[in-house]
Amino acid sequence: MFKRIASIFHTETEEEFQMRMKELDQDLEGLRQKQPEEVAGTPEEALYYSLHLGHALDAGEQATARRLVSEMLRASPTDAHFRLMAAAAFGRMGDEAEAVAQLGVGLALAPDNFALHSALARRLLARGDTSAAEAVLEVGWGYYRTHLTKRDQQVKRAEYFSVLQQDRAA
């Protein structure tokens, strides 16, 4: 146990850091080589789809990205995080209606997910629907603040609602 505690305070050398990064790159490459059924239901699944979706979107391969989103949602239709990833992918492809729809499904699955509220508010603001965005943020804030101390709530509220000021400044 003491060795484990001491390792927390160990300062990593540049060589150790580089070795750890090399191992991470190898792990990610191994994950990229897997098939969807090999990662289904594992902690690696979200990262797998994130890697492949990002690559397809960066390469402009919308058909591949849509197929990956479909596979991801078919594998885990009730995963709100996957709905958030799907919304981001559809947004990058310019399909705002589907992005908003995925966020709506995500919120139906996980109404307490304040990240989904924030993402939906941003999409609504982009459409010019400020009042709907404010309402969505208010609901999301109701969940978010339960995770904060009273002292942190005022600062975090300003941060959470800053999306509204960013929209007005644009």
Protein backbone atom coordinates (compact mmCIF):
# COMPACT_ATOMS: atom_id res chain seq x y z
CA MET A 1 0.00 0.00 0.00
CA PHE A 2 2.80 2.45 0.88
CA LYS A 3 4.49 1.74 -2.45
CA ARG A 4 1.25 2.63 -4.20
CA ILE A 5 0.94 5.86 -2.23
CA ALA A 6 4.56 6.73 -2.97
CA SER A 7 3.96 6.17 -6.68
CA ILE A 8 1.37 8.96 -6.61
CA PHE A 9 4.10 11.39 -5.64
CA HIS A 10 6.63 9.99 -8.13
CA THR A 11 7.65 12.56 -10.70
CA GLU A 12 7.58 11.01 -14.13
CA THR A 13 10.69 11.43 -16.23
CA GLU A 14 10.48 12.50 -19.87
CA GLU A 15 11.50 8.99 -20.89
CA GLU A 16 8.75 7.41 -18.76
CA PHE A 17 6.23 9.86 -20.17
CA GLN A 18 7.27 9.10 -23.76
CA MET A 19 7.06 5.36 -23.08
CA ARG A 20 3.57 5.77 -21.60
CA MET A 21 2.46 7.81 -24.64
CA LYS A 22 3.87 5.16 -26.99
CA GLU A 23 1.92 2.47 -25.14
CA LEU A 24 -1.21 4.60 -25.35
CA ASP A 25 -0.74 5.06 -29.11
CA GLN A 26 -0.34 1.30 -29.48
CA ASP A 27 -3.49 0.69 -27.46
CA LEU A 28 -5.44 3.18 -29.59
CA GLU A 29 -4.15 1.62 -32.80
CA GLY A 30 -5.19 -1.80 -31.52
CA LEU A 31 -8.64 -0.42 -30.76
CA ARG A 32 -8.90 1.09 -34.26
CA GLN A 33 -8.25 -2.35 -35.73
CA LYS A 34 -11.11 -4.03 -33.86
CA GLN A 35 -14.57 -4.69 -35.23
CA PRO A 36 -17.66 -3.17 -33.57
CA GLU A 37 -18.79 -6.52 -32.19
CA GLU A 38 -15.43 -6.94 -30.43
CA VAL A 39 -15.99 -3.80 -28.33
CA ALA A 40 -19.77 -4.03 -27.89
CA GLY A 41 -20.72 -3.60 -24.26
CA THR A 42 -17.16 -2.88 -23.12
CA PRO A 43 -15.75 0.33 -21.65
CA GLU A 44 -13.86 0.75 -24.94
CA GLU A 45 -17.03 1.03 -27.02
CA ALA A 46 -17.52 4.80 -26.75
CA LEU A 47 -13.87 5.48 -27.52
CA TYR A 48 -14.01 3.07 -30.47
CA TYR A 49 -16.91 4.94 -32.06
CA SER A 50 -15.42 8.31 -31.19
CA LEU A 51 -12.16 7.42 -32.96
CA HIS A 52 -13.85 6.02 -36.05
CA LEU A 53 -16.47 8.77 -36.27
CA GLY A 54 -13.83 11.47 -35.93
CA HIS A 55 -11.72 9.90 -38.64
CA ALA A 56 -14.68 9.53 -41.03
CA LEU A 57 -15.83 13.10 -40.43
CA ASP A 58 -12.31 14.53 -40.81
CA ALA A 59 -11.98 12.65 -44.10
CA GLY A 60 -15.35 13.96 -45.33
CA GLU A 61 -16.76 10.42 -45.47
CA GLN A 62 -20.34 11.22 -44.52
CA ALA A 63 -21.72 7.86 -45.63
CA THR A 64 -19.25 6.06 -43.37
CA ALA A 65 -20.01 8.46 -40.51
CA ARG A 66 -23.75 7.86 -40.89
CA ARG A 67 -23.18 4.08 -40.93
CA LEU A 68 -21.07 4.32 -37.76
CA VAL A 69 -23.70 6.42 -35.99
CA SER A 70 -26.35 3.90 -37.01
CA GLU A 71 -24.24 0.98 -35.72
CA MET A 72 -23.48 2.81 -32.49
CA LEU A 73 -27.13 3.62 -31.79
CA ARG A 74 -28.27 0.13 -32.77
CA ALA A 75 -25.73 -1.36 -30.34
CA SER A 76 -26.73 0.93 -27.45
CA PRO A 77 -30.01 2.69 -28.20
CA THR A 78 -30.52 3.85 -24.62
CA ASP A 79 -27.04 5.31 -24.09
CA ALA A 80 -27.45 9.07 -23.71
CA HIS A 81 -23.71 9.65 -24.24
CA PHE A 82 -23.99 7.96 -27.63
CA ARG A 83 -26.90 10.28 -28.46
CA LEU A 84 -24.65 13.25 -27.64
CA MET A 85 -21.93 11.81 -29.91
CA ALA A 86 -24.50 11.23 -32.66
CA ALA A 87 -25.74 14.81 -32.35
CA ALA A 88 -22.19 16.13 -32.66
CA ALA A 89 -21.59 13.97 -35.73
CA PHE A 90 -24.82 15.06 -37.41
CA GLY A 91 -23.99 18.67 -36.58
CA ARG A 92 -20.58 18.33 -38.25
CA MET A 93 -22.31 16.88 -41.31
CA GLY A 94 -24.66 19.88 -41.44
CA ASP A 95 -27.77 17.92 -40.48
CA GLU A 96 -28.99 20.23 -37.71
CA ALA A 97 -32.49 18.73 -37.58
CA GLU A 98 -31.09 15.27 -36.85
CA ALA A 99 -28.60 16.71 -34.36
CA VAL A 100 -31.45 18.34 -32.42
CA ALA A 101 -33.52 15.15 -32.68
CA GLN A 102 -30.69 13.07 -31.18
CA LEU A 103 -30.33 15.52 -28.31
CA GLY A 104 -34.07 15.29 -27.69
CA VAL A 105 -33.90 11.50 -27.57
CA GLY A 106 -30.88 11.75 -25.27
CA LEU A 107 -32.80 14.01 -22.90
CA ALA A 108 -35.77 11.64 -22.92
CA LEU A 109 -33.37 8.87 -21.89
CA ALA A 110 -31.41 10.92 -19.35
CA PRO A 111 -33.32 14.06 -18.34
CA ASP A 112 -30.71 14.84 -15.68
CA ASN A 113 -27.82 14.99 -18.17
CA PHE A 114 -26.94 18.68 -18.09
CA ALA A 115 -24.37 18.26 -20.90
CA LEU A 116 -27.25 17.31 -23.20
CA HIS A 117 -29.18 20.38 -22.06
CA SER A 118 -26.20 22.59 -22.83
CA ALA A 119 -25.65 21.02 -26.26
CA LEU A 120 -29.34 21.39 -27.14
CA ALA A 121 -29.30 25.03 -26.00
CA ARG A 122 -26.33 25.73 -28.29
CA ARG A 123 -28.17 24.18 -31.24
CA LEU A 124 -31.29 26.19 -30.47
CA LEU A 125 -29.25 29.38 -30.22
CA ALA A 126 -27.68 28.65 -33.59
CA ARG A 127 -31.23 28.51 -34.99
CA GLY A 128 -32.02 31.86 -33.34
CA ASP A 129 -34.39 30.42 -30.73
CA THR A 130 -33.00 32.20 -27.67
CA SER A 131 -36.08 31.77 -25.47
CA ALA A 132 -36.13 28.00 -25.98
CA ALA A 133 -32.38 27.84 -25.34
CA GLU A 134 -32.80 29.75 -22.06
CA ALA A 135 -35.58 27.39 -20.96
CA VAL A 136 -33.46 24.33 -21.77
CA LEU A 137 -30.51 25.78 -19.86
CA GLU A 138 -32.71 26.49 -16.84
CA VAL A 139 -33.83 22.87 -16.70
CA GLY A 140 -30.25 21.66 -17.15
CA TRP A 141 -29.04 24.03 -14.44
CA GLY A 142 -31.55 22.50 -12.05
CA TYR A 143 -29.70 19.19 -12.39
CA TYR A 144 -26.18 20.62 -12.64
CA ARG A 145 -26.35 22.66 -9.44
CA THR A 146 -27.16 19.58 -7.37
CA HIS A 147 -23.55 18.49 -7.98
CA LEU A 148 -22.08 21.72 -6.67
CA THR A 149 -21.44 23.27 -3.30
CA LYS A 150 -23.46 26.38 -2.51
CA ARG A 151 -20.25 28.41 -2.74
CA ASP A 152 -19.53 27.19 -6.29
CA GLN A 153 -23.06 27.58 -7.62
CA GLN A 154 -22.90 31.29 -8.47
CA VAL A 155 -19.64 31.02 -10.45
CA LYS A 156 -20.68 27.82 -12.21
CA ARG A 157 -24.10 29.27 -13.06
CA ALA A 158 -22.41 32.16 -14.85
CA GLU A 159 -20.20 29.70 -16.73
CA TYR A 160 -23.13 27.43 -17.61
CA PHE A 161 -25.23 30.29 -18.95
CA SER A 162 -22.30 32.01 -20.69
CA VAL A 163 -23.42 30.38 -23.94
CA LEU A 164 -26.20 32.96 -24.05
CA GLN A 165 -23.74 35.84 -23.87
CA GLN A 166 -21.49 34.24 -26.50
CA ASP A 167 -24.47 34.09 -28.84
CA ARG A 168 -25.34 37.73 -28.27
CA ALA A 169 -21.73 38.79 -28.85
CA ALA A 170 -21.59 36.92 -32.18
